[in-house]
Amino acid sequence: MTAQPAYDQVAALPAYSEQAIPAAFEDFNGHLNVRHYLGIASEGLDESLVEVGIPQNWPLAAGQAVFSAEHHLTYFSELRTGDRISVRVRLVGRSRRAAHVVVYLLDDSHSRVSYVMEEVLLHMDMETRKTSDWPDDVADRIDERLAEEKKLPWVPALSGSMQLR
């Protein structure tokens, strides 16, 4: 596994779901409850997908969706009430029906990467509820973004536990 990128490298990516941790998200240990790491990271991923032609109303507007198929979650530092956070997304690859992404939850208050969610997501036809090929326009936009992100001077660390099929 490659070393995790530095905070400054990840922070150069577009920011999504920027917020302060609310007290209601705190658990008995006095930090962000585990379920909220995944939720906030997923919200940021959803926001980022709009840029490649996947709006959040895609199931209703076009009868298409993306479903999560696999996750690998890594926690590096705790987040506490009031900490400022943001989500950053890096595409890793695409197949005919799937995409591989790495989602970073940044602790902007302390300038560190707090959490990383690696995910494989699938393109779904909502009528058949089965995987289907990406629409050409979405596939093209994903490919454009992949090409741009490959120019970055760092490589995302991957778990090695998942791959595109």
Protein backbone atom coordinates (compact mmCIF):
# COMPACT_ATOMS: atom_id res chain seq x y z
CA MET A 1 0.00 0.00 0.00
CA THR A 2 1.25 3.46 -0.93
CA ALA A 3 1.53 6.06 1.84
CA GLN A 4 -1.47 8.34 2.26
CA PRO A 5 -1.13 11.71 0.54
CA ALA A 6 -0.46 14.79 2.65
CA TYR A 7 -3.28 17.06 3.77
CA ASP A 8 -2.13 19.86 1.43
CA GLN A 9 -2.17 17.54 -1.57
CA VAL A 10 -5.71 16.33 -0.90
CA ALA A 11 -6.91 19.83 0.06
CA ALA A 12 -6.05 21.00 -3.48
CA LEU A 13 -8.99 18.92 -4.78
CA PRO A 14 -12.46 20.55 -4.93
CA ALA A 15 -14.24 20.67 -1.54
CA TYR A 16 -17.68 19.20 -0.87
CA SER A 17 -19.91 18.96 2.23
CA GLU A 18 -17.95 21.67 4.07
CA GLN A 19 -19.27 22.00 7.62
CA ALA A 20 -18.51 22.03 11.31
CA ILE A 21 -19.17 18.84 13.27
CA PRO A 22 -22.45 19.39 15.15
CA ALA A 23 -22.82 18.29 18.78
CA ALA A 24 -25.64 15.93 17.72
CA PHE A 25 -23.09 13.80 15.80
CA GLU A 26 -20.95 13.18 18.90
CA ASP A 27 -20.87 9.72 20.47
CA PHE A 28 -20.13 8.50 24.02
CA ASN A 29 -16.38 8.86 23.38
CA GLY A 30 -16.76 12.58 22.74
CA HIS A 31 -15.99 12.43 19.02
CA LEU A 32 -17.77 12.01 15.69
CA ASN A 33 -19.80 8.80 15.72
CA VAL A 34 -18.58 6.22 13.21
CA ARG A 35 -21.83 6.25 11.23
CA HIS A 36 -21.38 9.94 10.43
CA TYR A 37 -17.95 9.48 8.84
CA LEU A 38 -19.54 7.26 6.19
CA GLY A 39 -22.59 9.52 5.83
CA ILE A 40 -20.63 12.74 5.37
CA ALA A 41 -18.18 11.08 2.96
CA SER A 42 -21.09 9.66 0.94
CA GLU A 43 -22.79 13.07 0.77
CA GLY A 44 -19.57 14.62 -0.53
CA LEU A 45 -19.20 11.86 -3.12
CA ASP A 46 -22.78 12.44 -4.29
CA GLU A 47 -22.07 16.18 -4.64
CA SER A 48 -18.93 15.46 -6.67
CA LEU A 49 -20.75 13.14 -9.08
CA VAL A 50 -22.90 16.03 -10.31
CA GLU A 51 -19.79 17.29 -12.14
CA VAL A 52 -19.60 14.12 -14.24
CA GLY A 53 -23.30 14.18 -15.16
CA ILE A 54 -24.83 12.25 -12.27
CA PRO A 55 -27.31 14.56 -10.53
CA GLN A 56 -28.76 13.55 -7.21
CA ASN A 57 -32.22 13.26 -8.79
CA TRP A 58 -30.90 10.90 -11.51
CA PRO A 59 -33.17 7.99 -10.49
CA LEU A 60 -36.30 10.11 -10.94
CA ALA A 61 -35.09 12.29 -13.82
CA ALA A 62 -33.48 9.58 -15.97
CA GLY A 63 -34.25 6.20 -14.43
CA GLN A 64 -30.56 5.67 -13.65
CA ALA A 65 -28.58 5.54 -10.43
CA VAL A 66 -25.32 4.57 -8.81
CA PHE A 67 -25.24 1.92 -6.09
CA SER A 68 -22.36 1.27 -3.73
CA ALA A 69 -20.90 -2.19 -4.22
CA GLU A 70 -17.90 -2.19 -1.91
CA HIS A 71 -16.21 0.02 0.71
CA HIS A 72 -12.94 0.03 2.57
CA LEU A 73 -12.84 2.51 5.48
CA THR A 74 -9.75 3.79 7.28
CA TYR A 75 -9.77 6.14 10.28
CA PHE A 76 -6.63 8.20 10.93
CA SER A 77 -7.66 10.83 13.49
CA GLU A 78 -10.72 11.62 15.51
CA LEU A 79 -13.04 14.49 14.71
CA ARG A 80 -14.71 16.39 17.52
CA THR A 81 -17.64 18.74 17.86
CA GLY A 82 -16.90 22.07 16.21
CA ASP A 83 -14.06 20.80 13.99
CA ARG A 84 -14.30 22.18 10.43
CA ILE A 85 -14.35 19.42 7.83
CA SER A 86 -14.57 18.94 4.08
CA VAL A 87 -14.81 16.04 1.66
CA ARG A 88 -12.47 15.60 -1.33
CA VAL A 89 -12.92 12.97 -4.04
CA ARG A 90 -10.37 11.35 -6.34
CA LEU A 91 -11.44 9.05 -9.16
CA VAL A 92 -9.22 6.01 -9.57
CA GLY A 93 -10.73 4.16 -12.53
CA ARG A 94 -13.76 3.23 -14.57
CA SER A 95 -15.03 0.11 -16.28
CA ARG A 96 -18.11 -0.24 -18.51
CA ARG A 97 -20.45 -0.39 -15.51
CA ALA A 98 -18.46 0.68 -12.45
CA ALA A 99 -16.22 3.37 -11.02
CA HIS A 100 -13.52 3.22 -8.34
CA VAL A 101 -13.11 6.29 -6.11
CA VAL A 102 -11.26 7.41 -3.01
CA VAL A 103 -13.10 9.82 -0.74
CA TYR A 104 -11.14 11.83 1.83
CA LEU A 105 -12.66 13.43 4.92
CA LEU A 106 -10.37 16.28 5.89
CA ASP A 107 -10.03 17.81 9.33
CA ASP A 108 -9.56 21.39 8.15
CA SER A 109 -9.31 22.67 11.74
CA HIS A 110 -6.12 20.67 12.30
CA SER A 111 -4.90 20.32 8.68
CA ARG A 112 -4.95 16.54 8.50
CA VAL A 113 -6.59 13.67 6.64
CA SER A 114 -8.97 12.15 9.17
CA TYR A 115 -10.69 9.38 7.22
CA VAL A 116 -10.49 7.66 3.85
CA MET A 117 -13.30 5.76 2.15
CA GLU A 118 -12.36 3.72 -0.91
CA GLU A 119 -15.42 2.67 -2.87
CA VAL A 120 -16.54 0.83 -5.98
CA LEU A 121 -19.87 2.08 -7.27
CA LEU A 122 -22.05 0.61 -10.01
CA HIS A 123 -24.20 2.23 -12.70
CA MET A 124 -27.76 0.92 -12.41
CA ASP A 125 -30.79 0.89 -14.67
CA MET A 126 -33.60 1.61 -12.22
CA GLU A 127 -36.25 -0.13 -14.33
CA THR A 128 -34.44 -3.48 -14.37
CA ARG A 129 -32.54 -2.84 -11.09
CA LYS A 130 -29.48 -4.32 -12.78
CA THR A 131 -26.10 -2.92 -13.71
CA SER A 132 -25.81 -1.36 -17.13
CA ASP A 133 -23.15 0.45 -19.15
CA TRP A 134 -22.48 4.08 -18.30
CA PRO A 135 -24.25 6.49 -20.65
CA ASP A 136 -21.73 7.79 -23.19
CA ASP A 137 -21.84 11.37 -21.89
CA VAL A 138 -21.19 10.27 -18.29
CA ALA A 139 -18.45 7.84 -19.35
CA ASP A 140 -16.76 10.62 -21.33
CA ARG A 141 -16.91 13.03 -18.38
CA ILE A 142 -15.56 10.42 -15.98
CA ASP A 143 -12.73 9.71 -18.40
CA GLU A 144 -11.94 13.43 -18.71
CA ARG A 145 -11.80 13.78 -14.94
CA LEU A 146 -9.63 10.67 -14.62
CA ALA A 147 -7.21 12.12 -17.19
CA GLU A 148 -7.02 15.42 -15.28
CA GLU A 149 -6.50 13.75 -11.92
CA LYS A 150 -3.76 11.48 -13.29
CA LYS A 151 -1.74 14.67 -13.84
CA LEU A 152 -1.66 15.30 -10.08
CA PRO A 153 1.76 14.78 -8.47
CA TRP A 154 0.49 12.11 -6.05
CA VAL A 155 -1.11 8.70 -6.25
CA PRO A 156 -3.99 7.74 -3.96
CA ALA A 157 -3.20 4.91 -1.56
CA LEU A 158 -5.45 1.95 -2.24
CA SER A 159 -6.40 -0.86 0.11
CA GLY A 160 -5.76 -3.58 -2.45
CA SER A 161 -9.02 -5.19 -1.32
CA MET A 162 -11.12 -4.15 -4.33
CA GLN A 163 -10.84 -3.65 -8.06
CA LEU A 164 -12.99 -2.91 -11.07
CA ARG A 165 -14.47 -5.81 -12.94
